[in-house]
Amino acid sequence: MPGLKAEVTPGVTNGSAKFDLSVIAIPRAEQAIGHGGAQESGDIEFIWEYDQDLFDAETIERVAGQYERLLTAVTVNPRALVSALNERQGLR
């Protein structure tokens, strides 16, 4: 996962969420299929869908930031235990 680029993109909503929180990861190359051909890209788009009665946008942005830091830590040390990475990143 060297060079992985992750970003939070505000999504389109239909006004309801199927679950309390869903996170969908879509590789950019998958998005290009059927739209001019797949390109070699390591980028991944994450779509965060959540129940607005349970979470506010600031909470989801904070959790998404923590998740991004965790993914970054995994790329630096792929053999580390997730629990150890959480402690080092202050995610507990």
C-alpha atoms as a PDB file:
ATOM      1  CA  MET A   1       0.000   0.000   0.000  1.00  0.00           C
ATOM      2  CA  PRO A   2       2.905   2.423  -0.471  1.00  0.00           C
ATOM      3  CA  GLY A   3       1.703   5.734  -1.828  1.00  0.00           C
ATOM      4  CA  LEU A   4      -1.890   5.051  -0.832  1.00  0.00           C
ATOM      5  CA  LYS A   5      -3.992   8.180  -0.934  1.00  0.00           C
ATOM      6  CA  ALA A   6      -7.231   8.220   1.036  1.00  0.00           C
ATOM      7  CA  GLU A   7      -9.667  11.092   1.199  1.00  0.00           C
ATOM      8  CA  VAL A   8     -13.064  11.779   2.690  1.00  0.00           C
ATOM      9  CA  THR A   9     -15.563  12.819   0.041  1.00  0.00           C
ATOM     10  CA  PRO A  10     -18.936  14.258   1.010  1.00  0.00           C
ATOM     11  CA  GLY A  11     -21.503  11.912  -0.431  1.00  0.00           C
ATOM     12  CA  VAL A  12     -24.953  12.111  -1.841  1.00  0.00           C
ATOM     13  CA  THR A  13     -27.649  10.876   0.470  1.00  0.00           C
ATOM     14  CA  ASN A  14     -31.080   9.452  -0.086  1.00  0.00           C
ATOM     15  CA  GLY A  15     -32.133  10.664   3.367  1.00  0.00           C
ATOM     16  CA  SER A  16     -31.828   7.333   5.161  1.00  0.00           C
ATOM     17  CA  ALA A  17     -29.115   4.862   6.097  1.00  0.00           C
ATOM     18  CA  LYS A  18     -29.551   1.082   5.944  1.00  0.00           C
ATOM     19  CA  PHE A  19     -27.300   0.657   8.989  1.00  0.00           C
ATOM     20  CA  ASP A  20     -26.105   2.850  11.854  1.00  0.00           C
ATOM     21  CA  LEU A  21     -22.753   3.234  10.062  1.00  0.00           C
ATOM     22  CA  SER A  22     -21.515   1.880   6.737  1.00  0.00           C
ATOM     23  CA  VAL A  23     -18.119   2.464   5.177  1.00  0.00           C
ATOM     24  CA  ILE A  24     -17.652   1.599   1.525  1.00  0.00           C
ATOM     25  CA  ALA A  25     -14.168   1.506  -0.016  1.00  0.00           C
ATOM     26  CA  ILE A  26     -14.001   1.859  -3.801  1.00  0.00           C
ATOM     27  CA  PRO A  27     -10.672   1.717  -5.641  1.00  0.00           C
ATOM     28  CA  ARG A  28     -10.474   4.532  -8.210  1.00  0.00           C
ATOM     29  CA  ALA A  29      -9.530   1.977 -10.881  1.00  0.00           C
ATOM     30  CA  GLU A  30     -12.900   0.263 -10.292  1.00  0.00           C
ATOM     31  CA  GLN A  31     -14.701   3.561 -10.815  1.00  0.00           C
ATOM     32  CA  ALA A  32     -13.010   4.018 -14.188  1.00  0.00           C
ATOM     33  CA  ILE A  33     -14.281   0.699 -15.585  1.00  0.00           C
ATOM     34  CA  GLY A  34     -16.975   1.478 -18.099  1.00  0.00           C
ATOM     35  CA  HIS A  35     -15.968   5.138 -18.153  1.00  0.00           C
ATOM     36  CA  GLY A  36     -13.064   5.173 -20.579  1.00  0.00           C
ATOM     37  CA  GLY A  37     -11.204   2.154 -19.223  1.00  0.00           C
ATOM     38  CA  ALA A  38      -9.511   1.321 -15.963  1.00  0.00           C
ATOM     39  CA  GLN A  39      -6.429   3.267 -15.004  1.00  0.00           C
ATOM     40  CA  GLU A  40      -3.693   2.052 -12.722  1.00  0.00           C
ATOM     41  CA  SER A  41      -4.325   3.999  -9.536  1.00  0.00           C
ATOM     42  CA  GLY A  42      -3.713   3.184  -5.904  1.00  0.00           C
ATOM     43  CA  ASP A  43      -6.273   5.742  -4.745  1.00  0.00           C
ATOM     44  CA  ILE A  44      -9.313   4.579  -2.793  1.00  0.00           C
ATOM     45  CA  GLU A  45     -12.474   6.556  -2.159  1.00  0.00           C
ATOM     46  CA  PHE A  46     -14.256   5.906   1.137  1.00  0.00           C
ATOM     47  CA  ILE A  47     -17.969   6.626   1.375  1.00  0.00           C
ATOM     48  CA  TRP A  48     -19.265   7.010   4.930  1.00  0.00           C
ATOM     49  CA  GLU A  49     -23.022   6.538   5.263  1.00  0.00           C
ATOM     50  CA  TYR A  50     -24.487   7.002   8.729  1.00  0.00           C
ATOM     51  CA  ASP A  51     -27.696   7.464  10.662  1.00  0.00           C
ATOM     52  CA  GLN A  52     -27.971  11.189  11.346  1.00  0.00           C
ATOM     53  CA  ASP A  53     -30.096  10.494  14.416  1.00  0.00           C
ATOM     54  CA  LEU A  54     -27.076   8.760  15.986  1.00  0.00           C
ATOM     55  CA  PHE A  55     -24.066  10.652  14.596  1.00  0.00           C
ATOM     56  CA  ASP A  56     -23.307  14.194  13.524  1.00  0.00           C
ATOM     57  CA  ALA A  57     -20.978  15.166  10.681  1.00  0.00           C
ATOM     58  CA  GLU A  58     -18.187  16.248  13.050  1.00  0.00           C
ATOM     59  CA  THR A  59     -18.139  12.818  14.731  1.00  0.00           C
ATOM     60  CA  ILE A  60     -17.939  11.020  11.385  1.00  0.00           C
ATOM     61  CA  GLU A  61     -15.168  13.353  10.212  1.00  0.00           C
ATOM     62  CA  ARG A  62     -13.226  12.614  13.425  1.00  0.00           C
ATOM     63  CA  VAL A  63     -13.683   8.838  13.047  1.00  0.00           C
ATOM     64  CA  ALA A  64     -12.720   9.017   9.359  1.00  0.00           C
ATOM     65  CA  GLY A  65      -9.556  10.913  10.321  1.00  0.00           C
ATOM     66  CA  GLN A  66      -8.701   8.279  12.921  1.00  0.00           C
ATOM     67  CA  TYR A  67      -9.278   5.530  10.354  1.00  0.00           C
ATOM     68  CA  GLU A  68      -7.016   7.310   7.869  1.00  0.00           C
ATOM     69  CA  ARG A  69      -4.258   7.591  10.508  1.00  0.00           C
ATOM     70  CA  LEU A  70      -4.656   3.879  11.263  1.00  0.00           C
ATOM     71  CA  LEU A  71      -4.363   2.976   7.563  1.00  0.00           C
ATOM     72  CA  THR A  72      -1.272   5.151   7.282  1.00  0.00           C
ATOM     73  CA  ALA A  73       0.272   3.418  10.316  1.00  0.00           C
ATOM     74  CA  VAL A  74      -0.470   0.011   8.761  1.00  0.00           C
ATOM     75  CA  THR A  75       1.391   0.992   5.596  1.00  0.00           C
ATOM     76  CA  VAL A  76       4.416   1.976   7.686  1.00  0.00           C
ATOM     77  CA  ASN A  77       4.378  -1.201   9.802  1.00  0.00           C
ATOM     78  CA  PRO A  78       2.221  -3.884   8.115  1.00  0.00           C
ATOM     79  CA  ARG A  79       3.206  -6.612  10.609  1.00  0.00           C
ATOM     80  CA  ALA A  80       2.120  -4.675  13.705  1.00  0.00           C
ATOM     81  CA  LEU A  81      -0.951  -5.627  15.702  1.00  0.00           C
ATOM     82  CA  VAL A  82      -3.847  -3.231  15.142  1.00  0.00           C
ATOM     83  CA  SER A  83      -4.172  -2.797  18.912  1.00  0.00           C
ATOM     84  CA  ALA A  84      -0.542  -1.644  19.091  1.00  0.00           C
ATOM     85  CA  LEU A  85      -1.074   0.776  16.207  1.00  0.00           C
ATOM     86  CA  ASN A  86      -4.178   2.162  17.923  1.00  0.00           C
ATOM     87  CA  GLU A  87      -2.182   2.888  21.086  1.00  0.00           C
ATOM     88  CA  ARG A  88       0.659   4.571  19.171  1.00  0.00           C
ATOM     89  CA  GLN A  89      -1.737   6.699  17.148  1.00  0.00           C
ATOM     90  CA  GLY A  90      -3.766   7.725  20.209  1.00  0.00           C
ATOM     91  CA  LEU A  91      -6.930   6.198  18.750  1.00  0.00           C
ATOM     92  CA  ARG A  92      -8.265   4.605  21.907  1.00  0.00           C
END
